[in-house]
């Protein structure tokens, strides 16, 4: 939507839609010196708990706690986007749990629907009531809460929480980290079963993506980091499959 695109910082994606909503300021992730830019006139701060498309950038040095404190001081809402990092991807049901903070509003989608299209806006009753009027019916959606999609989401959630998939994530991530290192990989960033392999070159990333398809592997890149390769294996992956995947990745890296 026009509102959502207005809070993107990338000119590549926002320029075609200008003019955008006014009064939007951008702060740098993990930069505590930017926090004073949040004032009593700031309605909300919106950010990903772990930055996905930038190449897996996690908050460090209690950044999120300092951010929450600043928002409390100024009466600003904190909105966390966990559309990519929720539902066990980082080793916790919600990514924010590991950083000792709780948002005012949580945004969910993707894994929420278990393969079906579904998103959610999660907030306290108090916050939701403020959205119910002025004007009435201004925040509803025609297709929201579709019963088939919600049934798929519930079934997916039950599997996720009953089959120890989240609990096993860190052990599986450790196995990846043991097997992944290669001379072509300059850095490995990860958060749970979510990896960014820095290859130092966009050409190398594209080459690996194409070769991986031929080898039967689905890998991905990042919108705002063309030098890193994304690995986001399903949480149900087995230790044997991890070994096979890493072996194939090494064979591919040997060719570039």
C-alpha atoms as a PDB file:
ATOM      1  CA  UNK A   1       0.000   0.000   0.000  1.00  0.00           C
ATOM      2  CA  UNK A   2       0.973   3.639  -0.270  1.00  0.00           C
ATOM      3  CA  UNK A   3       1.375   3.810   3.515  1.00  0.00           C
ATOM      4  CA  UNK A   4       3.659   0.794   3.686  1.00  0.00           C
ATOM      5  CA  UNK A   5       5.829   1.867   0.761  1.00  0.00           C
ATOM      6  CA  UNK A   6       6.244   5.272   2.426  1.00  0.00           C
ATOM      7  CA  UNK A   7       8.183   3.733   5.313  1.00  0.00           C
ATOM      8  CA  UNK A   8      10.683   1.995   3.016  1.00  0.00           C
ATOM      9  CA  UNK A   9      14.033   3.764   2.763  1.00  0.00           C
ATOM     10  CA  UNK A  10      15.092   2.380  -0.632  1.00  0.00           C
ATOM     11  CA  UNK A  11      14.737   4.944  -3.430  1.00  0.00           C
ATOM     12  CA  UNK A  12      14.702   2.080  -5.928  1.00  0.00           C
ATOM     13  CA  UNK A  13      11.321   0.940  -4.672  1.00  0.00           C
ATOM     14  CA  UNK A  14       9.803   4.201  -3.445  1.00  0.00           C
ATOM     15  CA  UNK A  15      10.598   6.636  -6.259  1.00  0.00           C
ATOM     16  CA  UNK A  16       7.905   5.352  -8.683  1.00  0.00           C
ATOM     17  CA  UNK A  17       5.222   5.943  -6.042  1.00  0.00           C
ATOM     18  CA  UNK A  18       6.052   9.507  -5.027  1.00  0.00           C
ATOM     19  CA  UNK A  19       4.726  11.691  -3.525  1.00  0.00           C
ATOM     20  CA  UNK A  20       4.767   9.586  -0.362  1.00  0.00           C
ATOM     21  CA  UNK A  21       3.302  10.211   3.070  1.00  0.00           C
ATOM     22  CA  UNK A  22       4.919  13.232   4.775  1.00  0.00           C
ATOM     23  CA  UNK A  23       6.531  13.362   8.204  1.00  0.00           C
ATOM     24  CA  UNK A  24       8.576  10.157   7.934  1.00  0.00           C
ATOM     25  CA  UNK A  25      12.165  10.082   9.233  1.00  0.00           C
ATOM     26  CA  UNK A  26      14.615   7.195   9.002  1.00  0.00           C
ATOM     27  CA  UNK A  27      17.025   6.148  11.739  1.00  0.00           C
ATOM     28  CA  UNK A  28      19.921   3.759  11.303  1.00  0.00           C
ATOM     29  CA  UNK A  29      19.509   0.269  12.741  1.00  0.00           C
ATOM     30  CA  UNK A  30      21.841  -0.443  15.703  1.00  0.00           C
ATOM     31  CA  UNK A  31      22.869   3.227  15.884  1.00  0.00           C
ATOM     32  CA  UNK A  32      22.065   4.409  19.414  1.00  0.00           C
ATOM     33  CA  UNK A  33      23.098   7.970  18.602  1.00  0.00           C
ATOM     34  CA  UNK A  34      20.059   8.192  16.296  1.00  0.00           C
ATOM     35  CA  UNK A  35      17.587   7.470  19.103  1.00  0.00           C
ATOM     36  CA  UNK A  36      17.204  11.160  20.130  1.00  0.00           C
ATOM     37  CA  UNK A  37      15.559  11.661  16.724  1.00  0.00           C
ATOM     38  CA  UNK A  38      12.582   9.924  18.320  1.00  0.00           C
ATOM     39  CA  UNK A  39      10.600  12.709  20.034  1.00  0.00           C
ATOM     40  CA  UNK A  40       7.180  13.365  21.559  1.00  0.00           C
ATOM     41  CA  UNK A  41       6.014  14.121  18.009  1.00  0.00           C
ATOM     42  CA  UNK A  42       6.964  10.614  16.798  1.00  0.00           C
ATOM     43  CA  UNK A  43       3.825   8.497  16.449  1.00  0.00           C
ATOM     44  CA  UNK A  44       5.578   5.147  15.984  1.00  0.00           C
ATOM     45  CA  UNK A  45       8.868   3.463  15.223  1.00  0.00           C
ATOM     46  CA  UNK A  46       8.640   0.589  12.739  1.00  0.00           C
ATOM     47  CA  UNK A  47      11.477  -1.889  12.285  1.00  0.00           C
ATOM     48  CA  UNK A  48      12.255  -5.551  11.759  1.00  0.00           C
ATOM     49  CA  UNK A  49      13.438  -7.344  14.893  1.00  0.00           C
ATOM     50  CA  UNK A  50      16.162  -8.875  12.718  1.00  0.00           C
ATOM     51  CA  UNK A  51      16.764  -7.083   9.436  1.00  0.00           C
ATOM     52  CA  UNK A  52      16.153  -9.596   6.686  1.00  0.00           C
ATOM     53  CA  UNK A  53      16.726  -8.055   3.255  1.00  0.00           C
ATOM     54  CA  UNK A  54      19.825  -6.179   4.427  1.00  0.00           C
ATOM     55  CA  UNK A  55      21.526  -9.535   4.839  1.00  0.00           C
ATOM     56  CA  UNK A  56      20.549 -10.728   8.332  1.00  0.00           C
ATOM     57  CA  UNK A  57      21.496  -7.878  10.615  1.00  0.00           C
ATOM     58  CA  UNK A  58      20.629  -8.652  14.245  1.00  0.00           C
ATOM     59  CA  UNK A  59      20.314  -6.030  16.991  1.00  0.00           C
ATOM     60  CA  UNK A  60      23.443  -5.770  19.129  1.00  0.00           C
ATOM     61  CA  UNK A  61      24.579  -4.234  22.415  1.00  0.00           C
ATOM     62  CA  UNK A  62      21.032  -4.079  23.836  1.00  0.00           C
ATOM     63  CA  UNK A  63      19.990  -1.797  20.986  1.00  0.00           C
ATOM     64  CA  UNK A  64      16.346  -2.880  21.190  1.00  0.00           C
ATOM     65  CA  UNK A  65      16.195  -2.255  24.936  1.00  0.00           C
ATOM     66  CA  UNK A  66      17.541   1.262  24.443  1.00  0.00           C
ATOM     67  CA  UNK A  67      15.022   1.780  21.652  1.00  0.00           C
ATOM     68  CA  UNK A  68      12.139   0.622  23.848  1.00  0.00           C
ATOM     69  CA  UNK A  69      13.254   2.936  26.658  1.00  0.00           C
ATOM     70  CA  UNK A  70      13.323   5.890  24.284  1.00  0.00           C
ATOM     71  CA  UNK A  71       9.868   5.057  22.947  1.00  0.00           C
ATOM     72  CA  UNK A  72       8.520   4.837  26.515  1.00  0.00           C
ATOM     73  CA  UNK A  73      10.026   8.229  27.325  1.00  0.00           C
ATOM     74  CA  UNK A  74       8.408   9.900  24.321  1.00  0.00           C
ATOM     75  CA  UNK A  75       5.084   8.026  24.257  1.00  0.00           C
ATOM     76  CA  UNK A  76       5.947   6.472  20.902  1.00  0.00           C
ATOM     77  CA  UNK A  77       4.539   3.126  19.765  1.00  0.00           C
ATOM     78  CA  UNK A  78       7.033   0.404  18.862  1.00  0.00           C
ATOM     79  CA  UNK A  79       5.952  -1.699  15.883  1.00  0.00           C
ATOM     80  CA  UNK A  80       8.043  -4.805  15.189  1.00  0.00           C
ATOM     81  CA  UNK A  81       7.861  -6.450  11.785  1.00  0.00           C
ATOM     82  CA  UNK A  82       8.383 -10.200  12.236  1.00  0.00           C
ATOM     83  CA  UNK A  83       6.948 -11.212   8.885  1.00  0.00           C
ATOM     84  CA  UNK A  84      10.174 -13.061   8.067  1.00  0.00           C
ATOM     85  CA  UNK A  85      11.726 -13.785  11.456  1.00  0.00           C
ATOM     86  CA  UNK A  86       8.811 -15.148  13.523  1.00  0.00           C
ATOM     87  CA  UNK A  87       7.532 -18.703  14.046  1.00  0.00           C
ATOM     88  CA  UNK A  88      10.805 -20.303  15.098  1.00  0.00           C
ATOM     89  CA  UNK A  89      13.046 -19.059  12.296  1.00  0.00           C
ATOM     90  CA  UNK A  90      15.504 -17.503  14.770  1.00  0.00           C
ATOM     91  CA  UNK A  91      15.206 -20.290  17.346  1.00  0.00           C
ATOM     92  CA  UNK A  92      12.370 -18.622  19.281  1.00  0.00           C
ATOM     93  CA  UNK A  93       8.659 -18.485  18.546  1.00  0.00           C
ATOM     94  CA  UNK A  94       8.976 -14.708  18.278  1.00  0.00           C
ATOM     95  CA  UNK A  95      12.365 -13.197  17.509  1.00  0.00           C
ATOM     96  CA  UNK A  96      11.898 -10.364  20.014  1.00  0.00           C
ATOM     97  CA  UNK A  97      11.846 -12.849  22.921  1.00  0.00           C
ATOM     98  CA  UNK A  98      15.624 -13.341  22.792  1.00  0.00           C
ATOM     99  CA  UNK A  99      16.268  -9.599  23.081  1.00  0.00           C
ATOM    100  CA  UNK A 100      14.218  -8.997  26.224  1.00  0.00           C
ATOM    101  CA  UNK A 101      11.664  -6.597  24.731  1.00  0.00           C
ATOM    102  CA  UNK A 102       7.946  -6.624  23.931  1.00  0.00           C
ATOM    103  CA  UNK A 103       6.523  -4.461  21.106  1.00  0.00           C
ATOM    104  CA  UNK A 104       3.306  -2.472  21.238  1.00  0.00           C
ATOM    105  CA  UNK A 105       2.310  -3.884  17.853  1.00  0.00           C
ATOM    106  CA  UNK A 106       3.537  -7.059  16.138  1.00  0.00           C
ATOM    107  CA  UNK A 107       3.250  -7.685  12.390  1.00  0.00           C
ATOM    108  CA  UNK A 108       3.062 -11.284  11.157  1.00  0.00           C
ATOM    109  CA  UNK A 109       2.593 -13.026   7.798  1.00  0.00           C
ATOM    110  CA  UNK A 110       4.373 -15.600   5.576  1.00  0.00           C
ATOM    111  CA  UNK A 111       4.891 -18.603   7.926  1.00  0.00           C
ATOM    112  CA  UNK A 112       1.725 -17.611   9.806  1.00  0.00           C
ATOM    113  CA  UNK A 113      -0.477 -19.152   7.112  1.00  0.00           C
ATOM    114  CA  UNK A 114       1.392 -22.437   6.762  1.00  0.00           C
ATOM    115  CA  UNK A 115       1.629 -21.864   3.022  1.00  0.00           C
ATOM    116  CA  UNK A 116      -1.685 -20.034   2.692  1.00  0.00           C
ATOM    117  CA  UNK A 117      -1.838 -16.227   2.315  1.00  0.00           C
ATOM    118  CA  UNK A 118      -2.437 -14.708   5.725  1.00  0.00           C
ATOM    119  CA  UNK A 119      -1.175 -11.746   7.730  1.00  0.00           C
ATOM    120  CA  UNK A 120      -1.846 -10.469  11.229  1.00  0.00           C
ATOM    121  CA  UNK A 121      -1.695  -7.193  13.117  1.00  0.00           C
ATOM    122  CA  UNK A 122      -1.288  -8.033  16.818  1.00  0.00           C
ATOM    123  CA  UNK A 123      -1.781  -5.459  19.577  1.00  0.00           C
ATOM    124  CA  UNK A 124      -3.346  -4.975  22.986  1.00  0.00           C
ATOM    125  CA  UNK A 125      -7.082  -4.433  23.382  1.00  0.00           C
ATOM    126  CA  UNK A 126      -6.355  -0.821  24.288  1.00  0.00           C
ATOM    127  CA  UNK A 127      -4.504  -0.137  21.043  1.00  0.00           C
ATOM    128  CA  UNK A 128      -7.038  -2.020  18.935  1.00  0.00           C
ATOM    129  CA  UNK A 129      -9.897  -0.005  20.406  1.00  0.00           C
ATOM    130  CA  UNK A 130      -8.226   3.209  19.270  1.00  0.00           C
ATOM    131  CA  UNK A 131      -8.313   1.921  15.716  1.00  0.00           C
ATOM    132  CA  UNK A 132     -12.000   0.968  15.878  1.00  0.00           C
ATOM    133  CA  UNK A 133     -13.318   4.515  15.528  1.00  0.00           C
ATOM    134  CA  UNK A 134     -12.421   7.905  14.054  1.00  0.00           C
ATOM    135  CA  UNK A 135     -13.524   6.870  11.512  1.00  0.00           C
ATOM    136  CA  UNK A 136     -15.385   3.626  12.086  1.00  0.00           C
ATOM    137  CA  UNK A 137     -14.460   0.644   9.862  1.00  0.00           C
ATOM    138  CA  UNK A 138     -11.305   2.409   8.651  1.00  0.00           C
ATOM    139  CA  UNK A 139      -8.920  -0.463   9.413  1.00  0.00           C
ATOM    140  CA  UNK A 140     -10.847  -3.493   8.193  1.00  0.00           C
ATOM    141  CA  UNK A 141     -10.016  -5.740   5.248  1.00  0.00           C
ATOM    142  CA  UNK A 142     -12.337  -7.564   2.866  1.00  0.00           C
ATOM    143  CA  UNK A 143     -10.465 -10.860   2.943  1.00  0.00           C
ATOM    144  CA  UNK A 144      -9.168 -10.759   6.517  1.00  0.00           C
ATOM    145  CA  UNK A 145      -9.634 -13.850   8.646  1.00  0.00           C
ATOM    146  CA  UNK A 146     -10.523 -16.201   5.796  1.00  0.00           C
ATOM    147  CA  UNK A 147     -11.657 -19.453   7.505  1.00  0.00           C
ATOM    148  CA  UNK A 148      -9.664 -21.820   5.269  1.00  0.00           C
ATOM    149  CA  UNK A 149      -6.463 -19.815   5.690  1.00  0.00           C
ATOM    150  CA  UNK A 150      -7.019 -19.531   9.440  1.00  0.00           C
ATOM    151  CA  UNK A 151      -7.529 -23.307   9.675  1.00  0.00           C
ATOM    152  CA  UNK A 152      -4.232 -23.824   7.841  1.00  0.00           C
ATOM    153  CA  UNK A 153      -2.529 -21.358  10.178  1.00  0.00           C
ATOM    154  CA  UNK A 154      -3.858 -23.128  13.270  1.00  0.00           C
ATOM    155  CA  UNK A 155      -2.766 -26.556  11.990  1.00  0.00           C
ATOM    156  CA  UNK A 156       0.688 -25.223  11.125  1.00  0.00           C
ATOM    157  CA  UNK A 157       1.010 -23.580  14.535  1.00  0.00           C
ATOM    158  CA  UNK A 158       0.040 -26.810  16.305  1.00  0.00           C
ATOM    159  CA  UNK A 159       2.697 -28.771  14.396  1.00  0.00           C
ATOM    160  CA  UNK A 160       5.302 -26.109  15.100  1.00  0.00           C
ATOM    161  CA  UNK A 161       4.686 -26.144  18.847  1.00  0.00           C
ATOM    162  CA  UNK A 162       4.041 -29.877  19.344  1.00  0.00           C
ATOM    163  CA  UNK A 163       6.857 -31.457  17.330  1.00  0.00           C
ATOM    164  CA  UNK A 164       9.792 -29.640  19.004  1.00  0.00           C
ATOM    165  CA  UNK A 165      10.754 -27.929  15.755  1.00  0.00           C
ATOM    166  CA  UNK A 166      11.694 -24.680  17.482  1.00  0.00           C
ATOM    167  CA  UNK A 167      13.635 -26.443  20.234  1.00  0.00           C
ATOM    168  CA  UNK A 168      15.701 -28.298  17.608  1.00  0.00           C
ATOM    169  CA  UNK A 169      16.529 -25.167  15.622  1.00  0.00           C
ATOM    170  CA  UNK A 170      19.711 -24.215  17.486  1.00  0.00           C
ATOM    171  CA  UNK A 171      21.171 -27.712  17.241  1.00  0.00           C
ATOM    172  CA  UNK A 172      20.490 -27.784  13.502  1.00  0.00           C
ATOM    173  CA  UNK A 173      21.956 -24.291  13.117  1.00  0.00           C
ATOM    174  CA  UNK A 174      25.096 -25.453  14.918  1.00  0.00           C
ATOM    175  CA  UNK A 175      25.436 -28.304  12.423  1.00  0.00           C
ATOM    176  CA  UNK A 176      25.187 -25.876   9.501  1.00  0.00           C
ATOM    177  CA  UNK A 177      27.862 -23.672  11.062  1.00  0.00           C
ATOM    178  CA  UNK A 178      30.155 -26.686  11.430  1.00  0.00           C
ATOM    179  CA  UNK A 179      29.753 -27.748   7.792  1.00  0.00           C
ATOM    180  CA  UNK A 180      29.308 -24.484   5.879  1.00  0.00           C
ATOM    181  CA  UNK A 181      32.735 -22.764   6.120  1.00  0.00           C
ATOM    182  CA  UNK A 182      34.476 -22.547   2.728  1.00  0.00           C
ATOM    183  CA  UNK A 183      37.259 -20.441   1.253  1.00  0.00           C
ATOM    184  CA  UNK A 184      34.755 -18.583  -0.953  1.00  0.00           C
ATOM    185  CA  UNK A 185      32.665 -17.514   2.058  1.00  0.00           C
ATOM    186  CA  UNK A 186      34.027 -14.347   3.642  1.00  0.00           C
ATOM    187  CA  UNK A 187      31.535 -14.237   6.522  1.00  0.00           C
ATOM    188  CA  UNK A 188      28.600 -16.264   7.830  1.00  0.00           C
ATOM    189  CA  UNK A 189      25.870 -14.375   9.664  1.00  0.00           C
ATOM    190  CA  UNK A 190      23.025 -16.327  11.183  1.00  0.00           C
ATOM    191  CA  UNK A 191      20.080 -16.159  13.511  1.00  0.00           C
ATOM    192  CA  UNK A 192      18.663 -19.606  14.182  1.00  0.00           C
ATOM    193  CA  UNK A 193      18.039 -21.508  10.933  1.00  0.00           C
ATOM    194  CA  UNK A 194      18.621 -18.428   8.841  1.00  0.00           C
ATOM    195  CA  UNK A 195      21.976 -17.721   7.215  1.00  0.00           C
ATOM    196  CA  UNK A 196      23.679 -15.052   5.140  1.00  0.00           C
ATOM    197  CA  UNK A 197      26.806 -16.201   3.335  1.00  0.00           C
ATOM    198  CA  UNK A 198      28.900 -13.202   2.306  1.00  0.00           C
ATOM    199  CA  UNK A 199      30.589 -14.049  -0.984  1.00  0.00           C
ATOM    200  CA  UNK A 200      31.902 -10.531  -1.572  1.00  0.00           C
ATOM    201  CA  UNK A 201      30.455 -10.297  -5.078  1.00  0.00           C
ATOM    202  CA  UNK A 202      26.995 -10.035  -6.634  1.00  0.00           C
ATOM    203  CA  UNK A 203      28.238 -12.019  -9.651  1.00  0.00           C
ATOM    204  CA  UNK A 204      29.250 -14.890  -7.387  1.00  0.00           C
ATOM    205  CA  UNK A 205      25.867 -14.815  -5.639  1.00  0.00           C
ATOM    206  CA  UNK A 206      23.997 -14.998  -8.945  1.00  0.00           C
ATOM    207  CA  UNK A 207      26.274 -17.776 -10.153  1.00  0.00           C
ATOM    208  CA  UNK A 208      25.689 -19.828  -6.989  1.00  0.00           C
ATOM    209  CA  UNK A 209      21.912 -19.316  -7.146  1.00  0.00           C
ATOM    210  CA  UNK A 210      21.803 -20.618 -10.720  1.00  0.00           C
ATOM    211  CA  UNK A 211      24.100 -23.576 -10.025  1.00  0.00           C
ATOM    212  CA  UNK A 212      22.145 -24.440  -6.899  1.00  0.00           C
ATOM    213  CA  UNK A 213      18.953 -24.832  -8.915  1.00  0.00           C
ATOM    214  CA  UNK A 214      20.740 -27.289 -11.206  1.00  0.00           C
ATOM    215  CA  UNK A 215      21.932 -29.184  -8.114  1.00  0.00           C
ATOM    216  CA  UNK A 216      18.435 -29.417  -6.668  1.00  0.00           C
ATOM    217  CA  UNK A 217      18.864 -26.723  -4.028  1.00  0.00           C
ATOM    218  CA  UNK A 218      16.707 -23.626  -3.552  1.00  0.00           C
ATOM    219  CA  UNK A 219      18.727 -20.700  -2.209  1.00  0.00           C
ATOM    220  CA  UNK A 220      18.020 -16.991  -2.395  1.00  0.00           C
ATOM    221  CA  UNK A 221      19.581 -13.525  -2.345  1.00  0.00           C
ATOM    222  CA  UNK A 222      18.737 -10.350  -0.430  1.00  0.00           C
ATOM    223  CA  UNK A 223      17.036  -7.268  -1.861  1.00  0.00           C
ATOM    224  CA  UNK A 224      19.438  -4.837  -0.199  1.00  0.00           C
ATOM    225  CA  UNK A 225      22.627  -6.895   0.023  1.00  0.00           C
ATOM    226  CA  UNK A 226      23.707  -8.277  -3.339  1.00  0.00           C
ATOM    227  CA  UNK A 227      26.956  -9.746  -2.018  1.00  0.00           C
ATOM    228  CA  UNK A 228      25.346 -12.250   0.334  1.00  0.00           C
ATOM    229  CA  UNK A 229      23.554 -15.524  -0.286  1.00  0.00           C
ATOM    230  CA  UNK A 230      20.495 -16.432   1.779  1.00  0.00           C
ATOM    231  CA  UNK A 231      19.856 -19.883   3.255  1.00  0.00           C
ATOM    232  CA  UNK A 232      16.498 -20.389   4.965  1.00  0.00           C
ATOM    233  CA  UNK A 233      15.968 -24.149   5.240  1.00  0.00           C
ATOM    234  CA  UNK A 234      12.634 -25.519   6.492  1.00  0.00           C
ATOM    235  CA  UNK A 235      12.600 -26.129  10.238  1.00  0.00           C
ATOM    236  CA  UNK A 236      11.789 -29.809   9.540  1.00  0.00           C
ATOM    237  CA  UNK A 237      15.161 -30.354   7.841  1.00  0.00           C
ATOM    238  CA  UNK A 238      17.030 -33.391   9.185  1.00  0.00           C
ATOM    239  CA  UNK A 239      20.685 -33.617  10.161  1.00  0.00           C
ATOM    240  CA  UNK A 240      21.270 -35.897   7.165  1.00  0.00           C
ATOM    241  CA  UNK A 241      19.701 -33.361   4.805  1.00  0.00           C
ATOM    242  CA  UNK A 242      21.838 -30.611   6.304  1.00  0.00           C
ATOM    243  CA  UNK A 243      24.969 -32.608   5.497  1.00  0.00           C
ATOM    244  CA  UNK A 244      23.785 -33.225   1.920  1.00  0.00           C
ATOM    245  CA  UNK A 245      22.901 -29.558   1.417  1.00  0.00           C
ATOM    246  CA  UNK A 246      26.244 -28.298   2.738  1.00  0.00           C
ATOM    247  CA  UNK A 247      28.126 -30.808   0.588  1.00  0.00           C
ATOM    248  CA  UNK A 248      26.283 -29.580  -2.508  1.00  0.00           C
ATOM    249  CA  UNK A 249      26.937 -25.959  -1.562  1.00  0.00           C
ATOM    250  CA  UNK A 250      30.655 -26.718  -1.282  1.00  0.00           C
ATOM    251  CA  UNK A 251      30.635 -28.403  -4.677  1.00  0.00           C
ATOM    252  CA  UNK A 252      28.988 -25.311  -6.154  1.00  0.00           C
ATOM    253  CA  UNK A 253      31.400 -22.925  -4.437  1.00  0.00           C
ATOM    254  CA  UNK A 254      34.308 -24.936  -5.816  1.00  0.00           C
ATOM    255  CA  UNK A 255      33.104 -23.985  -9.337  1.00  0.00           C
ATOM    256  CA  UNK A 256      33.039 -20.212  -8.919  1.00  0.00           C
END
